[in-house]
Amino acid sequence: MSAKKVCDTKIFEDETTDSGFLSGPLSEQLLSSDNLDTREEPVESDNKVISECLELDSGVDLCLSEGLSNVNLSDPTPTPQAPLIVIESETTQQKNHDIPPLAILFQQDDDGDTQLHIAAVHGCEKSVGTLIRVCPDKAWLNVPNDYGHTALHLAVMSGHAVVTRMLVLAGASLATRDVQGETPFHKAVTGNHLECLQALLSPVPDHPPRKLSTILNQKNYRGQSCVHLAANAGHIETLQRLVYFGADINAREGLAGWTPLHVAARRGDARLVQFLLQRCACAPDARDYAGRTPRRLARSPRVAALLPDDDDDSDDDVYDSDSDSENLFERIRQSSNPINVA
């Protein structure tokens, strides 16, 4: 049997077989006339034929051949391992779902409003309660928007007494001012929201008593405290509550130096003047920055009759002829714009 015959029985020649090497078909290398002996020799064993084939120059690195010789075809093909995926338990997933995205909840929009501002102005009690519960810091409750309004300002301005009380119990500041210099108390008085005012004034359980007189006597940027706003609107019940909690009924506003009694006399409100004199012990002879008493500003005989006569008539004659001065104060009061300190 010839060597060519032996190779034919061991390796089938197929020109279409892709060996993966650039040295050409394997059959041509094994059957090369330069490397094969044409003499017919008996085949000693299969190992001899294989050894003769390995001595041929196939263009393949022998180190790779030695490495491949150790491969056992009977070994199972290794399967690729899938990436490790950790599956959280239902309890862990539930805990992760319970954690709110605080950065989103307390993020300000184009107007500076957070979700707490929006929930407060619409009176959404459940939403406000949830936001208060997940709030990590009380300072976040007092974040002002572009108008200086906190969530407490907006709750009071909208007349939502329950939300107002929720924010007060949560620790929201009562003294924060907006761009007009007004606190939530100013907003409650201006809107005549008595329930909201009561929610602000009521004591907080398990907390030391608060001294509210300092906050109640704060003036806005027009120089008006809460009692001046209440007197200007004729809100007698509001004035009564303010005085009960320590508001100064004889406080002078910052522009002309008027007390609430000056304001009531100027409005011609006889009922309010009588209430201030009898129930609030207002000083009837208090003078403004121009030296005028409330009687001097009275616009009706009925109101003037309720007030005592002035001791200094000469001053009255002087200021009676100076009506332009009063008109000037009125024009300034009406045209005064709030100072934007933002």
C-alpha atoms as a PDB file:
ATOM      1  CA  MET A   1       0.000   0.000   0.000  1.00  0.00           C
ATOM      2  CA  SER A   2       1.464   3.333  -0.975  1.00  0.00           C
ATOM      3  CA  ALA A   3       1.769   6.370   1.263  1.00  0.00           C
ATOM      4  CA  LYS A   4      -0.601   8.183  -1.004  1.00  0.00           C
ATOM      5  CA  LYS A   5      -3.134   5.482  -0.486  1.00  0.00           C
ATOM      6  CA  VAL A   6      -2.662   5.670   3.252  1.00  0.00           C
ATOM      7  CA  CYS A   7      -3.251   9.393   3.293  1.00  0.00           C
ATOM      8  CA  ASP A   8      -6.292   8.934   1.096  1.00  0.00           C
ATOM      9  CA  THR A   9      -7.759   6.566   3.627  1.00  0.00           C
ATOM     10  CA  LYS A  10      -7.054   8.883   6.546  1.00  0.00           C
ATOM     11  CA  ILE A  11      -7.830  12.326   5.194  1.00  0.00           C
ATOM     12  CA  PHE A  12     -10.468  13.116   2.614  1.00  0.00           C
ATOM     13  CA  GLU A  13      -9.520  15.773   0.174  1.00  0.00           C
ATOM     14  CA  ASP A  14     -12.074  18.507  -0.262  1.00  0.00           C
ATOM     15  CA  GLU A  15     -11.133  21.649  -2.061  1.00  0.00           C
ATOM     16  CA  THR A  16     -14.142  23.462  -0.693  1.00  0.00           C
ATOM     17  CA  THR A  17     -13.114  22.877   2.933  1.00  0.00           C
ATOM     18  CA  ASP A  18     -12.098  26.038   4.744  1.00  0.00           C
ATOM     19  CA  SER A  19      -9.234  25.135   7.038  1.00  0.00           C
ATOM     20  CA  GLY A  20      -8.873  28.626   8.432  1.00  0.00           C
ATOM     21  CA  PHE A  21      -5.175  28.846   7.427  1.00  0.00           C
ATOM     22  CA  LEU A  22      -3.600  30.801   4.624  1.00  0.00           C
ATOM     23  CA  SER A  23      -1.237  27.981   3.582  1.00  0.00           C
ATOM     24  CA  GLY A  24      -3.709  26.432   1.152  1.00  0.00           C
ATOM     25  CA  PRO A  25      -5.664  23.215   1.255  1.00  0.00           C
ATOM     26  CA  LEU A  26      -4.351  20.706   3.718  1.00  0.00           C
ATOM     27  CA  SER A  27      -4.580  17.893   1.150  1.00  0.00           C
ATOM     28  CA  GLU A  28      -2.107  19.622  -1.162  1.00  0.00           C
ATOM     29  CA  GLN A  29       0.402  19.925   1.638  1.00  0.00           C
ATOM     30  CA  LEU A  30       0.060  16.321   2.659  1.00  0.00           C
ATOM     31  CA  LEU A  31       0.285  15.056  -0.935  1.00  0.00           C
ATOM     32  CA  SER A  32       3.208  17.222  -1.978  1.00  0.00           C
ATOM     33  CA  SER A  33       5.667  15.299  -4.133  1.00  0.00           C
ATOM     34  CA  ASP A  34       8.636  16.895  -2.409  1.00  0.00           C
ATOM     35  CA  ASN A  35       7.751  15.545   1.022  1.00  0.00           C
ATOM     36  CA  LEU A  36       6.183  12.145   0.320  1.00  0.00           C
ATOM     37  CA  ASP A  37       8.130   9.006  -0.529  1.00  0.00           C
ATOM     38  CA  THR A  38       6.802   7.242  -3.613  1.00  0.00           C
ATOM     39  CA  ARG A  39       7.869   3.832  -2.351  1.00  0.00           C
ATOM     40  CA  GLU A  40       5.247   1.579  -1.087  1.00  0.00           C
ATOM     41  CA  GLU A  41       5.853   0.682   2.538  1.00  0.00           C
ATOM     42  CA  PRO A  42       3.681  -1.179   4.932  1.00  0.00           C
ATOM     43  CA  VAL A  43       1.734   0.840   7.347  1.00  0.00           C
ATOM     44  CA  GLU A  44       3.072   0.159  10.788  1.00  0.00           C
ATOM     45  CA  SER A  45       0.458   2.054  12.753  1.00  0.00           C
ATOM     46  CA  ASP A  46      -1.787   5.048  12.677  1.00  0.00           C
ATOM     47  CA  ASN A  47       0.553   6.926  14.939  1.00  0.00           C
ATOM     48  CA  LYS A  48       3.345   6.645  12.353  1.00  0.00           C
ATOM     49  CA  VAL A  49       1.195   8.163   9.670  1.00  0.00           C
ATOM     50  CA  ILE A  50       0.211  11.004  11.942  1.00  0.00           C
ATOM     51  CA  SER A  51       3.818  11.649  12.903  1.00  0.00           C
ATOM     52  CA  GLU A  52       4.814  11.776   9.270  1.00  0.00           C
ATOM     53  CA  CYS A  53       2.025  14.272   8.570  1.00  0.00           C
ATOM     54  CA  LEU A  54       3.114  16.486  11.444  1.00  0.00           C
ATOM     55  CA  GLU A  55       6.604  16.721   9.996  1.00  0.00           C
ATOM     56  CA  LEU A  56       5.202  18.441   6.938  1.00  0.00           C
ATOM     57  CA  ASP A  57       5.515  22.210   6.609  1.00  0.00           C
ATOM     58  CA  SER A  58       1.968  23.452   6.868  1.00  0.00           C
ATOM     59  CA  GLY A  59       2.840  26.999   7.770  1.00  0.00           C
ATOM     60  CA  VAL A  60       1.283  26.568  11.226  1.00  0.00           C
ATOM     61  CA  ASP A  61       3.245  27.280  14.372  1.00  0.00           C
ATOM     62  CA  LEU A  62       4.178  24.018  16.055  1.00  0.00           C
ATOM     63  CA  CYS A  63       3.557  25.501  19.452  1.00  0.00           C
ATOM     64  CA  LEU A  64      -0.072  25.785  18.553  1.00  0.00           C
ATOM     65  CA  SER A  65      -0.075  22.187  17.375  1.00  0.00           C
ATOM     66  CA  GLU A  66       1.422  21.012  20.645  1.00  0.00           C
ATOM     67  CA  GLY A  67      -1.242  22.935  22.522  1.00  0.00           C
ATOM     68  CA  LEU A  68      -3.988  21.414  20.457  1.00  0.00           C
ATOM     69  CA  SER A  69      -2.589  17.898  20.972  1.00  0.00           C
ATOM     70  CA  ASN A  70      -3.634  18.051  24.603  1.00  0.00           C
ATOM     71  CA  VAL A  71      -7.254  18.668  23.743  1.00  0.00           C
ATOM     72  CA  ASN A  72      -9.468  15.674  24.381  1.00  0.00           C
ATOM     73  CA  LEU A  73     -12.409  15.510  22.046  1.00  0.00           C
ATOM     74  CA  SER A  74     -14.384  13.608  24.570  1.00  0.00           C
ATOM     75  CA  ASP A  75     -14.409  16.544  27.013  1.00  0.00           C
ATOM     76  CA  PRO A  76     -17.697  18.451  27.118  1.00  0.00           C
ATOM     77  CA  THR A  77     -17.771  21.799  25.383  1.00  0.00           C
ATOM     78  CA  PRO A  78     -17.455  24.591  27.958  1.00  0.00           C
ATOM     79  CA  THR A  79     -20.563  26.705  28.120  1.00  0.00           C
ATOM     80  CA  PRO A  80     -20.220  30.474  28.508  1.00  0.00           C
ATOM     81  CA  GLN A  81     -21.268  31.786  31.885  1.00  0.00           C
ATOM     82  CA  ALA A  82     -24.059  34.335  31.996  1.00  0.00           C
ATOM     83  CA  PRO A  83     -23.461  37.624  33.898  1.00  0.00           C
ATOM     84  CA  LEU A  84     -24.382  37.544  37.547  1.00  0.00           C
ATOM     85  CA  ILE A  85     -27.807  39.115  38.111  1.00  0.00           C
ATOM     86  CA  VAL A  86     -28.877  39.855  41.658  1.00  0.00           C
ATOM     87  CA  ILE A  87     -32.620  39.653  42.091  1.00  0.00           C
ATOM     88  CA  GLU A  88     -33.888  41.712  45.009  1.00  0.00           C
ATOM     89  CA  SER A  89     -36.445  40.259  47.273  1.00  0.00           C
ATOM     90  CA  GLU A  90     -39.933  41.671  47.405  1.00  0.00           C
ATOM     91  CA  THR A  91     -39.217  43.231  50.783  1.00  0.00           C
ATOM     92  CA  THR A  92     -36.175  45.100  49.446  1.00  0.00           C
ATOM     93  CA  GLN A  93     -38.074  46.259  46.380  1.00  0.00           C
ATOM     94  CA  GLN A  94     -40.913  47.487  48.560  1.00  0.00           C
ATOM     95  CA  LYS A  95     -38.480  49.461  50.709  1.00  0.00           C
ATOM     96  CA  ASN A  96     -36.925  51.045  47.628  1.00  0.00           C
ATOM     97  CA  HIS A  97     -40.358  52.028  46.332  1.00  0.00           C
ATOM     98  CA  ASP A  98     -41.194  53.598  49.690  1.00  0.00           C
ATOM     99  CA  ILE A  99     -38.228  55.991  49.461  1.00  0.00           C
ATOM    100  CA  PRO A 100     -39.482  59.111  47.632  1.00  0.00           C
ATOM    101  CA  PRO A 101     -37.280  60.984  45.159  1.00  0.00           C
ATOM    102  CA  LEU A 102     -36.593  63.917  47.438  1.00  0.00           C
ATOM    103  CA  ALA A 103     -34.568  65.790  44.840  1.00  0.00           C
ATOM    104  CA  ILE A 104     -37.619  65.848  42.573  1.00  0.00           C
ATOM    105  CA  LEU A 105     -40.231  66.544  45.253  1.00  0.00           C
ATOM    106  CA  PHE A 106     -38.417  69.604  46.581  1.00  0.00           C
ATOM    107  CA  GLN A 107     -36.980  70.835  43.298  1.00  0.00           C
ATOM    108  CA  GLN A 108     -38.063  74.350  42.307  1.00  0.00           C
ATOM    109  CA  ASP A 109     -39.663  75.079  38.949  1.00  0.00           C
ATOM    110  CA  ASP A 110     -39.351  78.216  36.824  1.00  0.00           C
ATOM    111  CA  ASP A 111     -41.364  80.233  39.371  1.00  0.00           C
ATOM    112  CA  GLY A 112     -39.432  78.850  42.322  1.00  0.00           C
ATOM    113  CA  ASP A 113     -42.336  76.660  43.449  1.00  0.00           C
ATOM    114  CA  THR A 114     -41.814  73.179  44.827  1.00  0.00           C
ATOM    115  CA  GLN A 115     -44.370  70.406  45.071  1.00  0.00           C
ATOM    116  CA  LEU A 116     -45.087  71.636  48.606  1.00  0.00           C
ATOM    117  CA  HIS A 117     -45.962  75.109  47.294  1.00  0.00           C
ATOM    118  CA  ILE A 118     -48.321  73.650  44.723  1.00  0.00           C
ATOM    119  CA  ALA A 119     -49.998  71.294  47.187  1.00  0.00           C
ATOM    120  CA  ALA A 120     -50.393  74.076  49.767  1.00  0.00           C
ATOM    121  CA  VAL A 121     -51.957  76.611  47.413  1.00  0.00           C
ATOM    122  CA  HIS A 122     -54.496  74.024  46.240  1.00  0.00           C
ATOM    123  CA  GLY A 123     -55.248  72.773  49.748  1.00  0.00           C
ATOM    124  CA  CYS A 124     -54.192  69.152  49.072  1.00  0.00           C
ATOM    125  CA  GLU A 125     -54.052  67.942  52.651  1.00  0.00           C
ATOM    126  CA  LYS A 126     -52.862  64.392  51.891  1.00  0.00           C
ATOM    127  CA  SER A 127     -50.077  65.593  49.626  1.00  0.00           C
ATOM    128  CA  VAL A 128     -48.956  68.197  52.145  1.00  0.00           C
ATOM    129  CA  GLY A 129     -48.969  65.559  54.894  1.00  0.00           C
ATOM    130  CA  THR A 130     -46.854  63.195  52.786  1.00  0.00           C
ATOM    131  CA  LEU A 131     -44.351  65.901  51.887  1.00  0.00           C
ATOM    132  CA  ILE A 132     -44.044  66.958  55.517  1.00  0.00           C
ATOM    133  CA  ARG A 133     -43.462  63.347  56.562  1.00  0.00           C
ATOM    134  CA  VAL A 134     -40.663  62.711  54.051  1.00  0.00           C
ATOM    135  CA  CYS A 135     -39.044  66.140  54.412  1.00  0.00           C
ATOM    136  CA  PRO A 136     -35.507  65.482  55.707  1.00  0.00           C
ATOM    137  CA  ASP A 137     -34.961  69.014  57.029  1.00  0.00           C
ATOM    138  CA  LYS A 138     -37.392  71.609  58.377  1.00  0.00           C
ATOM    139  CA  ALA A 139     -35.567  74.294  56.424  1.00  0.00           C
ATOM    140  CA  TRP A 140     -37.044  72.783  53.259  1.00  0.00           C
ATOM    141  CA  LEU A 141     -40.501  73.763  54.505  1.00  0.00           C
ATOM    142  CA  ASN A 142     -39.475  77.428  54.342  1.00  0.00           C
ATOM    143  CA  VAL A 143     -38.112  77.506  50.790  1.00  0.00           C
ATOM    144  CA  PRO A 144     -39.409  80.730  49.153  1.00  0.00           C
ATOM    145  CA  ASN A 145     -40.456  80.983  45.551  1.00  0.00           C
ATOM    146  CA  ASP A 146     -39.598  83.897  43.263  1.00  0.00           C
ATOM    147  CA  TYR A 147     -42.153  86.094  45.064  1.00  0.00           C
ATOM    148  CA  GLY A 148     -40.761  85.251  48.484  1.00  0.00           C
ATOM    149  CA  HIS A 149     -43.792  83.134  49.351  1.00  0.00           C
ATOM    150  CA  THR A 150     -43.275  80.002  51.369  1.00  0.00           C
ATOM    151  CA  ALA A 151     -45.781  77.164  51.427  1.00  0.00           C
ATOM    152  CA  LEU A 152     -47.244  78.721  54.581  1.00  0.00           C
ATOM    153  CA  HIS A 153     -47.753  82.053  52.809  1.00  0.00           C
ATOM    154  CA  LEU A 154     -49.630  80.347  49.986  1.00  0.00           C
ATOM    155  CA  ALA A 155     -51.779  78.239  52.303  1.00  0.00           C
ATOM    156  CA  VAL A 156     -52.860  81.360  54.219  1.00  0.00           C
ATOM    157  CA  MET A 157     -53.428  83.421  51.081  1.00  0.00           C
ATOM    158  CA  SER A 158     -55.650  80.656  49.701  1.00  0.00           C
ATOM    159  CA  GLY A 159     -57.593  80.388  52.956  1.00  0.00           C
ATOM    160  CA  HIS A 160     -56.735  76.726  53.677  1.00  0.00           C
ATOM    161  CA  ALA A 161     -56.793  76.625  57.458  1.00  0.00           C
ATOM    162  CA  VAL A 162     -56.126  72.873  57.779  1.00  0.00           C
ATOM    163  CA  VAL A 163     -53.019  73.027  55.601  1.00  0.00           C
ATOM    164  CA  THR A 164     -51.917  76.134  57.487  1.00  0.00           C
ATOM    165  CA  ARG A 165     -52.177  74.302  60.771  1.00  0.00           C
ATOM    166  CA  MET A 166     -50.336  71.273  59.396  1.00  0.00           C
ATOM    167  CA  LEU A 167     -47.415  73.438  58.362  1.00  0.00           C
ATOM    168  CA  VAL A 168     -47.361  75.258  61.699  1.00  0.00           C
ATOM    169  CA  LEU A 169     -47.264  71.960  63.596  1.00  0.00           C
ATOM    170  CA  ALA A 170     -44.492  70.747  61.277  1.00  0.00           C
ATOM    171  CA  GLY A 171     -42.326  73.705  62.251  1.00  0.00           C
ATOM    172  CA  ALA A 172     -42.765  76.132  59.359  1.00  0.00           C
ATOM    173  CA  SER A 173     -41.510  79.637  60.096  1.00  0.00           C
ATOM    174  CA  LEU A 174     -44.111  82.270  60.987  1.00  0.00           C
ATOM    175  CA  ALA A 175     -41.758  85.217  60.502  1.00  0.00           C
ATOM    176  CA  THR A 176     -40.559  84.657  56.916  1.00  0.00           C
ATOM    177  CA  ARG A 177     -41.183  87.712  54.726  1.00  0.00           C
ATOM    178  CA  ASP A 178     -42.027  87.842  51.058  1.00  0.00           C
ATOM    179  CA  VAL A 179     -40.857  90.446  48.544  1.00  0.00           C
ATOM    180  CA  GLN A 180     -43.317  92.949  50.065  1.00  0.00           C
ATOM    181  CA  GLY A 181     -41.959  92.332  53.544  1.00  0.00           C
ATOM    182  CA  GLU A 182     -45.123  90.567  54.690  1.00  0.00           C
ATOM    183  CA  THR A 183     -45.330  87.547  56.951  1.00  0.00           C
ATOM    184  CA  PRO A 184     -48.104  84.933  56.854  1.00  0.00           C
ATOM    185  CA  PHE A 185     -49.861  87.058  59.517  1.00  0.00           C
ATOM    186  CA  HIS A 186     -50.045  89.997  57.116  1.00  0.00           C
ATOM    187  CA  LYS A 187     -51.576  87.729  54.481  1.00  0.00           C
ATOM    188  CA  ALA A 188     -54.157  86.351  56.896  1.00  0.00           C
ATOM    189  CA  VAL A 189     -55.206  89.847  57.993  1.00  0.00           C
ATOM    190  CA  THR A 190     -55.344  91.236  54.465  1.00  0.00           C
ATOM    191  CA  GLY A 191     -57.509  88.382  53.246  1.00  0.00           C
ATOM    192  CA  ASN A 192     -59.566  88.367  56.469  1.00  0.00           C
ATOM    193  CA  HIS A 193     -58.958  84.630  56.841  1.00  0.00           C
ATOM    194  CA  LEU A 194     -59.871  84.291  60.503  1.00  0.00           C
ATOM    195  CA  GLU A 195     -59.496  80.516  60.598  1.00  0.00           C
ATOM    196  CA  CYS A 196     -56.030  80.732  59.107  1.00  0.00           C
ATOM    197  CA  LEU A 197     -55.135  83.482  61.579  1.00  0.00           C
ATOM    198  CA  GLN A 198     -56.301  81.282  64.423  1.00  0.00           C
ATOM    199  CA  ALA A 199     -54.251  78.389  63.040  1.00  0.00           C
ATOM    200  CA  LEU A 200     -51.190  80.625  63.129  1.00  0.00           C
ATOM    201  CA  LEU A 201     -51.868  81.972  66.619  1.00  0.00           C
ATOM    202  CA  SER A 202     -52.837  78.756  68.410  1.00  0.00           C
ATOM    203  CA  PRO A 203     -50.083  77.232  70.565  1.00  0.00           C
ATOM    204  CA  VAL A 204     -48.249  74.125  69.400  1.00  0.00           C
ATOM    205  CA  PRO A 205     -48.576  71.110  71.749  1.00  0.00           C
ATOM    206  CA  ASP A 206     -45.413  69.817  73.418  1.00  0.00           C
ATOM    207  CA  HIS A 207     -43.600  73.055  72.557  1.00  0.00           C
ATOM    208  CA  PRO A 208     -42.764  75.997  74.821  1.00  0.00           C
ATOM    209  CA  PRO A 209     -45.102  78.981  74.535  1.00  0.00           C
ATOM    210  CA  ARG A 210     -44.231  81.257  71.662  1.00  0.00           C
ATOM    211  CA  LYS A 211     -43.943  85.010  71.995  1.00  0.00           C
ATOM    212  CA  LEU A 212     -45.937  86.183  69.015  1.00  0.00           C
ATOM    213  CA  SER A 213     -45.966  89.899  69.773  1.00  0.00           C
ATOM    214  CA  THR A 214     -42.637  90.440  68.014  1.00  0.00           C
ATOM    215  CA  ILE A 215     -43.870  88.781  64.833  1.00  0.00           C
ATOM    216  CA  LEU A 216     -47.279  90.485  64.963  1.00  0.00           C
ATOM    217  CA  ASN A 217     -45.641  93.899  65.233  1.00  0.00           C
ATOM    218  CA  GLN A 218     -43.378  93.407  62.233  1.00  0.00           C
ATOM    219  CA  LYS A 219     -43.938  95.976  59.508  1.00  0.00           C
ATOM    220  CA  ASN A 220     -44.016  95.371  55.809  1.00  0.00           C
ATOM    221  CA  TYR A 221     -42.049  97.503  53.380  1.00  0.00           C
ATOM    222  CA  ARG A 222     -44.840 100.097  53.437  1.00  0.00           C
ATOM    223  CA  GLY A 223     -44.430 100.462  57.170  1.00  0.00           C
ATOM    224  CA  GLN A 224     -47.681  98.709  58.084  1.00  0.00           C
ATOM    225  CA  SER A 225     -48.060  96.134  60.811  1.00  0.00           C
ATOM    226  CA  CYS A 226     -50.986  93.748  61.101  1.00  0.00           C
ATOM    227  CA  VAL A 227     -53.098  96.137  63.178  1.00  0.00           C
ATOM    228  CA  HIS A 228     -52.830  98.834  60.506  1.00  0.00           C
ATOM    229  CA  LEU A 229     -53.942  96.424  57.799  1.00  0.00           C
ATOM    230  CA  ALA A 230     -56.874  95.270  59.915  1.00  0.00           C
ATOM    231  CA  ALA A 231     -57.919  98.849  60.739  1.00  0.00           C
ATOM    232  CA  ASN A 232     -57.646  99.908  57.118  1.00  0.00           C
ATOM    233  CA  ALA A 233     -60.005  97.080  56.152  1.00  0.00           C
ATOM    234  CA  GLY A 234     -62.339  97.623  59.111  1.00  0.00           C
ATOM    235  CA  HIS A 235     -61.914  94.083  60.472  1.00  0.00           C
ATOM    236  CA  ILE A 236     -62.934  94.423  64.095  1.00  0.00           C
ATOM    237  CA  GLU A 237     -62.791  90.737  65.000  1.00  0.00           C
ATOM    238  CA  THR A 238     -59.340  90.437  63.484  1.00  0.00           C
ATOM    239  CA  LEU A 239     -58.137  93.399  65.538  1.00  0.00           C
ATOM    240  CA  GLN A 240     -59.551  91.825  68.661  1.00  0.00           C
ATOM    241  CA  ARG A 241     -57.598  88.614  68.120  1.00  0.00           C
ATOM    242  CA  LEU A 242     -54.407  90.468  67.322  1.00  0.00           C
ATOM    243  CA  VAL A 243     -54.628  92.539  70.480  1.00  0.00           C
ATOM    244  CA  TYR A 244     -55.368  89.439  72.562  1.00  0.00           C
ATOM    245  CA  PHE A 245     -52.140  87.805  71.385  1.00  0.00           C
ATOM    246  CA  GLY A 246     -49.965  90.833  72.055  1.00  0.00           C
ATOM    247  CA  ALA A 247     -50.149  93.146  69.042  1.00  0.00           C
ATOM    248  CA  ASP A 248     -49.433  96.811  69.796  1.00  0.00           C
ATOM    249  CA  ILE A 249     -52.685  98.674  69.119  1.00  0.00           C
ATOM    250  CA  ASN A 250     -50.911 102.052  69.397  1.00  0.00           C
ATOM    251  CA  ALA A 251     -48.153 101.179  66.915  1.00  0.00           C
ATOM    252  CA  ARG A 252     -47.332 103.845  64.337  1.00  0.00           C
ATOM    253  CA  GLU A 253     -47.013 102.935  60.716  1.00  0.00           C
ATOM    254  CA  GLY A 254     -43.766 103.892  59.055  1.00  0.00           C
ATOM    255  CA  LEU A 255     -44.930 106.342  56.408  1.00  0.00           C
ATOM    256  CA  ALA A 256     -47.034 108.992  58.189  1.00  0.00           C
ATOM    257  CA  GLY A 257     -46.915 107.768  61.783  1.00  0.00           C
ATOM    258  CA  TRP A 258     -50.592 106.858  61.967  1.00  0.00           C
ATOM    259  CA  THR A 259     -51.963 104.565  64.648  1.00  0.00           C
ATOM    260  CA  PRO A 260     -54.940 102.280  63.967  1.00  0.00           C
ATOM    261  CA  LEU A 261     -57.129 104.978  65.494  1.00  0.00           C
ATOM    262  CA  HIS A 262     -55.822 107.500  62.967  1.00  0.00           C
ATOM    263  CA  VAL A 263     -56.626 105.034  60.202  1.00  0.00           C
ATOM    264  CA  ALA A 264     -60.157 104.387  61.505  1.00  0.00           C
ATOM    265  CA  ALA A 265     -60.857 108.122  61.897  1.00  0.00           C
ATOM    266  CA  ARG A 266     -59.531 108.786  58.415  1.00  0.00           C
ATOM    267  CA  ARG A 267     -61.862 106.105  57.017  1.00  0.00           C
ATOM    268  CA  GLY A 268     -64.834 107.622  58.848  1.00  0.00           C
ATOM    269  CA  ASP A 269     -65.628 104.269  60.488  1.00  0.00           C
ATOM    270  CA  ALA A 270     -67.479 105.249  63.664  1.00  0.00           C
ATOM    271  CA  ARG A 271     -68.006 101.615  64.732  1.00  0.00           C
ATOM    272  CA  LEU A 272     -64.301 100.840  64.519  1.00  0.00           C
ATOM    273  CA  VAL A 273     -63.342 104.065  66.305  1.00  0.00           C
ATOM    274  CA  GLN A 274     -65.708 103.235  69.140  1.00  0.00           C
ATOM    275  CA  PHE A 275     -64.320  99.706  69.382  1.00  0.00           C
ATOM    276  CA  LEU A 276     -60.728 100.948  69.527  1.00  0.00           C
ATOM    277  CA  LEU A 277     -61.523 103.497  72.223  1.00  0.00           C
ATOM    278  CA  GLN A 278     -63.655 101.275  74.437  1.00  0.00           C
ATOM    279  CA  ARG A 279     -62.237  97.772  73.979  1.00  0.00           C
ATOM    280  CA  CYS A 280     -58.635  98.318  72.980  1.00  0.00           C
ATOM    281  CA  ALA A 281     -57.720 101.363  75.052  1.00  0.00           C
ATOM    282  CA  CYS A 282     -56.216 103.252  72.143  1.00  0.00           C
ATOM    283  CA  ALA A 283     -54.564 106.566  72.914  1.00  0.00           C
ATOM    284  CA  PRO A 284     -57.031 109.195  71.609  1.00  0.00           C
ATOM    285  CA  ASP A 285     -54.443 111.984  71.643  1.00  0.00           C
ATOM    286  CA  ALA A 286     -51.704 110.153  69.774  1.00  0.00           C
ATOM    287  CA  ARG A 287     -50.059 112.290  67.122  1.00  0.00           C
ATOM    288  CA  ASP A 288     -48.604 111.284  63.789  1.00  0.00           C
ATOM    289  CA  TYR A 289     -45.345 112.552  62.326  1.00  0.00           C
ATOM    290  CA  ALA A 290     -47.067 115.791  61.334  1.00  0.00           C
ATOM    291  CA  GLY A 291     -48.411 116.331  64.862  1.00  0.00           C
ATOM    292  CA  ARG A 292     -52.025 115.526  64.012  1.00  0.00           C
ATOM    293  CA  THR A 293     -54.400 113.693  66.316  1.00  0.00           C
ATOM    294  CA  PRO A 294     -57.025 111.185  65.156  1.00  0.00           C
ATOM    295  CA  ARG A 295     -59.688 113.868  65.581  1.00  0.00           C
ATOM    296  CA  ARG A 296     -57.836 116.056  63.070  1.00  0.00           C
ATOM    297  CA  LEU A 297     -58.142 113.299  60.480  1.00  0.00           C
ATOM    298  CA  ALA A 298     -61.827 112.552  61.142  1.00  0.00           C
ATOM    299  CA  ARG A 299     -63.873 112.977  57.990  1.00  0.00           C
ATOM    300  CA  SER A 300     -67.336 112.906  59.545  1.00  0.00           C
ATOM    301  CA  PRO A 301     -68.876 114.801  62.475  1.00  0.00           C
ATOM    302  CA  ARG A 302     -70.025 111.519  63.975  1.00  0.00           C
ATOM    303  CA  VAL A 303     -66.485 110.215  64.201  1.00  0.00           C
ATOM    304  CA  ALA A 304     -65.162 113.550  65.457  1.00  0.00           C
ATOM    305  CA  ALA A 305     -67.751 113.527  68.236  1.00  0.00           C
ATOM    306  CA  LEU A 306     -66.369 110.247  69.529  1.00  0.00           C
ATOM    307  CA  LEU A 307     -62.868 111.681  69.885  1.00  0.00           C
ATOM    308  CA  PRO A 308     -61.779 114.242  72.511  1.00  0.00           C
ATOM    309  CA  ASP A 309     -61.031 117.810  71.566  1.00  0.00           C
ATOM    310  CA  ASP A 310     -57.451 118.785  70.875  1.00  0.00           C
ATOM    311  CA  ASP A 311     -55.681 120.873  73.491  1.00  0.00           C
ATOM    312  CA  ASP A 312     -53.584 122.845  71.023  1.00  0.00           C
ATOM    313  CA  ASP A 313     -55.945 124.662  68.673  1.00  0.00           C
ATOM    314  CA  SER A 314     -53.162 126.654  67.064  1.00  0.00           C
ATOM    315  CA  ASP A 315     -51.636 123.510  65.626  1.00  0.00           C
ATOM    316  CA  ASP A 316     -55.003 122.548  64.227  1.00  0.00           C
ATOM    317  CA  ASP A 317     -55.318 125.866  62.440  1.00  0.00           C
ATOM    318  CA  VAL A 318     -51.923 125.434  60.905  1.00  0.00           C
ATOM    319  CA  TYR A 319     -52.547 121.916  59.652  1.00  0.00           C
ATOM    320  CA  ASP A 320     -56.110 122.643  58.570  1.00  0.00           C
ATOM    321  CA  SER A 321     -54.780 125.078  56.001  1.00  0.00           C
ATOM    322  CA  ASP A 322     -52.201 122.566  54.811  1.00  0.00           C
ATOM    323  CA  SER A 323     -54.467 120.138  53.016  1.00  0.00           C
ATOM    324  CA  ASP A 324     -51.846 119.498  50.369  1.00  0.00           C
ATOM    325  CA  SER A 325     -49.840 117.690  52.981  1.00  0.00           C
ATOM    326  CA  GLU A 326     -52.586 115.106  53.520  1.00  0.00           C
ATOM    327  CA  ASN A 327     -53.035 114.640  49.811  1.00  0.00           C
ATOM    328  CA  LEU A 328     -49.303 114.093  49.481  1.00  0.00           C
ATOM    329  CA  PHE A 329     -49.377 111.322  52.060  1.00  0.00           C
ATOM    330  CA  GLU A 330     -52.289 109.703  50.298  1.00  0.00           C
ATOM    331  CA  ARG A 331     -50.561 109.832  46.928  1.00  0.00           C
ATOM    332  CA  ILE A 332     -47.423 108.355  48.398  1.00  0.00           C
ATOM    333  CA  ARG A 333     -49.371 105.575  50.084  1.00  0.00           C
ATOM    334  CA  GLN A 334     -51.255 104.678  46.938  1.00  0.00           C
ATOM    335  CA  SER A 335     -48.295 104.853  44.593  1.00  0.00           C
ATOM    336  CA  SER A 336     -45.763 103.207  46.868  1.00  0.00           C
ATOM    337  CA  ASN A 337     -44.299 100.075  45.354  1.00  0.00           C
ATOM    338  CA  PRO A 338     -42.803  97.243  47.359  1.00  0.00           C
ATOM    339  CA  ILE A 339     -39.046  97.103  47.433  1.00  0.00           C
ATOM    340  CA  ASN A 340     -37.723  93.985  45.758  1.00  0.00           C
ATOM    341  CA  VAL A 341     -34.874  92.750  47.904  1.00  0.00           C
ATOM    342  CA  ALA A 342     -34.581  89.378  46.197  1.00  0.00           C
END
